[in-house]
Amino acid sequence: MYQFLVAFVLWLHLFFAIIFIGGSFFIWMVVWPSSFDLTQDEKYRTSIVGTMSKRFALFTNVSVLILISTGLFLAYSIMSSSHGFLGTIGGELLIAKVVAVALAIGIMYYNNLGHTKKIKKMIEEGKMNEVSILRKRAHFLSFVTLGLLVVVTILAAAMQIF
């Protein structure tokens, strides 16, 4: 019965990782570039991307909560079934994954909470030069987050081998 529970929690973890990571890449690879095809009006483009991103934020927040809780359960399951797990390659990979996840989540929330409202306000005030600078910083942080999420998936795959 316990193995069934672990398998279900693992499936849940993977499912929400797909939503979180896949959705993040979809926003940056499809939604944002497509907004330039829809209009050149910066205020309208920001509104389009902002509306979609706000809706996705609900899924992101739920996914992050589920990923953290299922990840903790899975880590506990692995460590309790493997004596000396923390001294192994698998344990080191898990620690690296936890660090990468923490950095990705921290940067993502800092970026979203720190830049999104400022950009929207600056556009309404017509401060387009300042918007451009802030948007470049926000995009850089978003790409760092995406890079960290790729690292997380690589580490997760490597954990299956070791």
C-alpha atoms as a PDB file:
ATOM      1  CA  MET A   1       0.000   0.000   0.000  1.00  0.00           C
ATOM      2  CA  TYR A   2       2.843   2.406   0.850  1.00  0.00           C
ATOM      3  CA  GLN A   3       4.458   1.813  -2.563  1.00  0.00           C
ATOM      4  CA  PHE A   4       1.164   2.729  -4.229  1.00  0.00           C
ATOM      5  CA  LEU A   5       1.090   5.962  -2.216  1.00  0.00           C
ATOM      6  CA  VAL A   6       4.683   6.785  -3.204  1.00  0.00           C
ATOM      7  CA  ALA A   7       3.880   6.050  -6.871  1.00  0.00           C
ATOM      8  CA  PHE A   8       0.800   8.289  -6.725  1.00  0.00           C
ATOM      9  CA  VAL A   9       2.715  11.140  -5.049  1.00  0.00           C
ATOM     10  CA  LEU A  10       5.478  10.783  -7.644  1.00  0.00           C
ATOM     11  CA  TRP A  11       2.894  10.984 -10.443  1.00  0.00           C
ATOM     12  CA  LEU A  12       1.353  14.064  -8.795  1.00  0.00           C
ATOM     13  CA  HIS A  13       4.811  15.632  -8.485  1.00  0.00           C
ATOM     14  CA  LEU A  14       5.596  14.988 -12.151  1.00  0.00           C
ATOM     15  CA  PHE A  15       2.182  16.193 -13.320  1.00  0.00           C
ATOM     16  CA  PHE A  16       2.501  19.540 -11.562  1.00  0.00           C
ATOM     17  CA  ALA A  17       6.133  19.876 -12.659  1.00  0.00           C
ATOM     18  CA  ILE A  18       4.892  19.555 -16.242  1.00  0.00           C
ATOM     19  CA  ILE A  19       2.279  22.270 -15.655  1.00  0.00           C
ATOM     20  CA  PHE A  20       4.749  24.577 -13.907  1.00  0.00           C
ATOM     21  CA  ILE A  21       7.756  24.157 -16.177  1.00  0.00           C
ATOM     22  CA  GLY A  22       5.839  23.606 -19.412  1.00  0.00           C
ATOM     23  CA  GLY A  23       3.594  26.580 -18.741  1.00  0.00           C
ATOM     24  CA  SER A  24       6.568  28.794 -17.971  1.00  0.00           C
ATOM     25  CA  PHE A  25       8.219  27.893 -21.262  1.00  0.00           C
ATOM     26  CA  PHE A  26       4.904  28.362 -23.097  1.00  0.00           C
ATOM     27  CA  ILE A  27       4.563  31.905 -21.768  1.00  0.00           C
ATOM     28  CA  TRP A  28       8.099  32.847 -22.862  1.00  0.00           C
ATOM     29  CA  MET A  29       8.304  30.901 -26.115  1.00  0.00           C
ATOM     30  CA  VAL A  30       4.755  31.392 -27.434  1.00  0.00           C
ATOM     31  CA  VAL A  31       2.682  34.013 -25.606  1.00  0.00           C
ATOM     32  CA  TRP A  32       5.251  36.793 -25.267  1.00  0.00           C
ATOM     33  CA  PRO A  33       6.650  36.580 -28.847  1.00  0.00           C
ATOM     34  CA  SER A  34       3.128  36.247 -30.274  1.00  0.00           C
ATOM     35  CA  SER A  35       2.087  39.449 -28.533  1.00  0.00           C
ATOM     36  CA  PHE A  36       4.348  41.342 -30.975  1.00  0.00           C
ATOM     37  CA  ASP A  37       2.393  39.811 -33.877  1.00  0.00           C
ATOM     38  CA  LEU A  38      -0.890  41.024 -32.381  1.00  0.00           C
ATOM     39  CA  THR A  39       0.017  44.663 -31.808  1.00  0.00           C
ATOM     40  CA  GLN A  40       2.873  47.127 -31.546  1.00  0.00           C
ATOM     41  CA  ASP A  41       1.008  49.120 -28.880  1.00  0.00           C
ATOM     42  CA  GLU A  42       3.129  48.519 -25.755  1.00  0.00           C
ATOM     43  CA  LYS A  43       0.257  49.147 -23.348  1.00  0.00           C
ATOM     44  CA  TYR A  44      -2.024  46.689 -25.141  1.00  0.00           C
ATOM     45  CA  ARG A  45       0.736  44.044 -25.437  1.00  0.00           C
ATOM     46  CA  THR A  46       1.450  44.367 -21.731  1.00  0.00           C
ATOM     47  CA  SER A  47      -2.244  43.969 -21.035  1.00  0.00           C
ATOM     48  CA  ILE A  48      -2.453  40.808 -23.166  1.00  0.00           C
ATOM     49  CA  VAL A  49       0.617  39.147 -21.694  1.00  0.00           C
ATOM     50  CA  GLY A  50      -0.252  40.376 -18.206  1.00  0.00           C
ATOM     51  CA  THR A  51      -3.763  38.936 -18.374  1.00  0.00           C
ATOM     52  CA  MET A  52      -2.491  35.546 -19.525  1.00  0.00           C
ATOM     53  CA  SER A  53       0.352  35.568 -17.009  1.00  0.00           C
ATOM     54  CA  LYS A  54      -2.003  36.496 -14.177  1.00  0.00           C
ATOM     55  CA  ARG A  55      -4.249  33.561 -15.020  1.00  0.00           C
ATOM     56  CA  PHE A  56      -1.221  31.256 -15.232  1.00  0.00           C
ATOM     57  CA  ALA A  57      -0.002  32.575 -11.855  1.00  0.00           C
ATOM     58  CA  LEU A  58      -2.887  30.748 -10.170  1.00  0.00           C
ATOM     59  CA  PHE A  59      -1.673  27.466 -11.677  1.00  0.00           C
ATOM     60  CA  THR A  60       1.905  28.384 -10.800  1.00  0.00           C
ATOM     61  CA  ASN A  61       1.087  29.054  -7.155  1.00  0.00           C
ATOM     62  CA  VAL A  62      -0.891  25.824  -6.792  1.00  0.00           C
ATOM     63  CA  SER A  63       1.842  23.905  -8.610  1.00  0.00           C
ATOM     64  CA  VAL A  64       4.581  25.303  -6.385  1.00  0.00           C
ATOM     65  CA  LEU A  65       2.675  24.332  -3.233  1.00  0.00           C
ATOM     66  CA  ILE A  66       1.990  20.822  -4.515  1.00  0.00           C
ATOM     67  CA  LEU A  67       5.552  20.401  -5.805  1.00  0.00           C
ATOM     68  CA  ILE A  68       7.039  21.420  -2.463  1.00  0.00           C
ATOM     69  CA  SER A  69       4.750  19.156  -0.441  1.00  0.00           C
ATOM     70  CA  THR A  70       5.102  16.147  -2.751  1.00  0.00           C
ATOM     71  CA  GLY A  71       8.844  16.770  -3.058  1.00  0.00           C
ATOM     72  CA  LEU A  72       9.252  16.736   0.709  1.00  0.00           C
ATOM     73  CA  PHE A  73       7.254  13.501   0.935  1.00  0.00           C
ATOM     74  CA  LEU A  74       9.302  11.883  -1.837  1.00  0.00           C
ATOM     75  CA  ALA A  75      12.605  13.037  -0.332  1.00  0.00           C
ATOM     76  CA  TYR A  76      11.567  11.608   3.039  1.00  0.00           C
ATOM     77  CA  SER A  77      10.521   8.345   1.361  1.00  0.00           C
ATOM     78  CA  ILE A  78      13.860   8.049  -0.418  1.00  0.00           C
ATOM     79  CA  MET A  79      15.929   8.935   2.625  1.00  0.00           C
ATOM     80  CA  SER A  80      14.029   6.632   4.982  1.00  0.00           C
ATOM     81  CA  SER A  81      14.425   3.684   2.608  1.00  0.00           C
ATOM     82  CA  SER A  82      18.116   4.286   1.887  1.00  0.00           C
ATOM     83  CA  HIS A  83      20.562   4.212   4.762  1.00  0.00           C
ATOM     84  CA  GLY A  84      23.285   6.779   4.294  1.00  0.00           C
ATOM     85  CA  PHE A  85      21.506   8.391   1.339  1.00  0.00           C
ATOM     86  CA  LEU A  86      23.001  11.807   2.080  1.00  0.00           C
ATOM     87  CA  GLY A  87      26.518  10.475   1.552  1.00  0.00           C
ATOM     88  CA  THR A  88      25.712   9.188  -1.926  1.00  0.00           C
ATOM     89  CA  ILE A  89      25.629  10.727  -5.384  1.00  0.00           C
ATOM     90  CA  GLY A  90      21.831  10.488  -5.295  1.00  0.00           C
ATOM     91  CA  GLY A  91      21.776  12.456  -2.033  1.00  0.00           C
ATOM     92  CA  GLU A  92      24.080  15.114  -3.438  1.00  0.00           C
ATOM     93  CA  LEU A  93      21.874  15.377  -6.519  1.00  0.00           C
ATOM     94  CA  LEU A  94      18.838  15.800  -4.278  1.00  0.00           C
ATOM     95  CA  ILE A  95      20.528  18.603  -2.340  1.00  0.00           C
ATOM     96  CA  ALA A  96      21.538  20.307  -5.598  1.00  0.00           C
ATOM     97  CA  LYS A  97      17.946  19.957  -6.846  1.00  0.00           C
ATOM     98  CA  VAL A  98      16.552  21.493  -3.655  1.00  0.00           C
ATOM     99  CA  VAL A  99      18.963  24.436  -3.971  1.00  0.00           C
ATOM    100  CA  ALA A 100      18.076  24.954  -7.654  1.00  0.00           C
ATOM    101  CA  VAL A 101      14.346  24.769  -6.864  1.00  0.00           C
ATOM    102  CA  ALA A 102      14.687  27.263  -3.993  1.00  0.00           C
ATOM    103  CA  LEU A 103      16.640  29.682  -6.202  1.00  0.00           C
ATOM    104  CA  ALA A 104      14.146  29.340  -9.082  1.00  0.00           C
ATOM    105  CA  ILE A 105      11.137  29.934  -6.844  1.00  0.00           C
ATOM    106  CA  GLY A 106      12.804  32.828  -5.034  1.00  0.00           C
ATOM    107  CA  ILE A 107      13.854  34.558  -8.249  1.00  0.00           C
ATOM    108  CA  MET A 108      10.464  33.922  -9.860  1.00  0.00           C
ATOM    109  CA  TYR A 109       8.476  35.470  -7.012  1.00  0.00           C
ATOM    110  CA  TYR A 110      10.928  38.348  -6.576  1.00  0.00           C
ATOM    111  CA  ASN A 111      10.672  39.060 -10.297  1.00  0.00           C
ATOM    112  CA  ASN A 112       6.888  38.798 -10.473  1.00  0.00           C
ATOM    113  CA  LEU A 113       6.157  40.753  -7.321  1.00  0.00           C
ATOM    114  CA  GLY A 114       8.915  43.291  -7.852  1.00  0.00           C
ATOM    115  CA  HIS A 115       8.585  44.099 -11.534  1.00  0.00           C
ATOM    116  CA  THR A 116       5.117  43.307 -12.883  1.00  0.00           C
ATOM    117  CA  LYS A 117       3.181  46.062 -11.132  1.00  0.00           C
ATOM    118  CA  LYS A 118       5.983  48.597 -11.677  1.00  0.00           C
ATOM    119  CA  ILE A 119       6.037  47.909 -15.414  1.00  0.00           C
ATOM    120  CA  LYS A 120       2.274  48.235 -15.706  1.00  0.00           C
ATOM    121  CA  LYS A 121       2.287  51.508 -13.740  1.00  0.00           C
ATOM    122  CA  MET A 122       5.164  52.962 -15.792  1.00  0.00           C
ATOM    123  CA  ILE A 123       3.367  52.147 -19.049  1.00  0.00           C
ATOM    124  CA  GLU A 124       0.232  53.914 -17.812  1.00  0.00           C
ATOM    125  CA  GLU A 125       2.407  56.932 -16.915  1.00  0.00           C
ATOM    126  CA  GLY A 126       4.085  56.827 -20.350  1.00  0.00           C
ATOM    127  CA  LYS A 127       7.598  56.216 -18.981  1.00  0.00           C
ATOM    128  CA  MET A 128       8.616  53.955 -21.864  1.00  0.00           C
ATOM    129  CA  ASN A 129      12.405  54.319 -21.437  1.00  0.00           C
ATOM    130  CA  GLU A 130      12.161  53.194 -17.822  1.00  0.00           C
ATOM    131  CA  VAL A 131       9.823  50.366 -18.871  1.00  0.00           C
ATOM    132  CA  SER A 132      12.379  49.137 -21.371  1.00  0.00           C
ATOM    133  CA  ILE A 133      15.137  48.995 -18.740  1.00  0.00           C
ATOM    134  CA  LEU A 134      12.935  47.296 -16.149  1.00  0.00           C
ATOM    135  CA  ARG A 135      11.532  44.860 -18.702  1.00  0.00           C
ATOM    136  CA  LYS A 136      15.058  43.802 -19.757  1.00  0.00           C
ATOM    137  CA  ARG A 137      15.895  43.102 -16.127  1.00  0.00           C
ATOM    138  CA  ALA A 138      12.645  41.170 -15.650  1.00  0.00           C
ATOM    139  CA  HIS A 139      13.245  39.124 -18.804  1.00  0.00           C
ATOM    140  CA  PHE A 140      16.794  38.325 -17.710  1.00  0.00           C
ATOM    141  CA  LEU A 141      15.522  37.082 -14.351  1.00  0.00           C
ATOM    142  CA  SER A 142      12.814  35.054 -16.115  1.00  0.00           C
ATOM    143  CA  PHE A 143      15.398  33.367 -18.315  1.00  0.00           C
ATOM    144  CA  VAL A 144      17.559  32.651 -15.257  1.00  0.00           C
ATOM    145  CA  THR A 145      14.501  31.034 -13.663  1.00  0.00           C
ATOM    146  CA  LEU A 146      13.852  28.963 -16.793  1.00  0.00           C
ATOM    147  CA  GLY A 147      17.502  27.904 -16.830  1.00  0.00           C
ATOM    148  CA  LEU A 148      17.259  26.800 -13.220  1.00  0.00           C
ATOM    149  CA  LEU A 149      14.105  24.821 -14.025  1.00  0.00           C
ATOM    150  CA  VAL A 150      16.006  23.035 -16.787  1.00  0.00           C
ATOM    151  CA  VAL A 151      18.748  22.247 -14.261  1.00  0.00           C
ATOM    152  CA  VAL A 152      16.087  20.886 -11.889  1.00  0.00           C
ATOM    153  CA  THR A 153      14.787  18.518 -14.583  1.00  0.00           C
ATOM    154  CA  ILE A 154      18.322  17.353 -15.397  1.00  0.00           C
ATOM    155  CA  LEU A 155      19.021  16.698 -11.730  1.00  0.00           C
ATOM    156  CA  ALA A 156      15.694  14.864 -11.357  1.00  0.00           C
ATOM    157  CA  ALA A 157      16.559  12.635 -14.301  1.00  0.00           C
ATOM    158  CA  ALA A 158      20.055  12.019 -12.922  1.00  0.00           C
ATOM    159  CA  MET A 159      18.535  11.006  -9.566  1.00  0.00           C
ATOM    160  CA  GLN A 160      16.759   8.147 -11.328  1.00  0.00           C
ATOM    161  CA  ILE A 161      20.108   6.726 -12.427  1.00  0.00           C
ATOM    162  CA  PHE A 162      22.043   7.023  -9.160  1.00  0.00           C
END
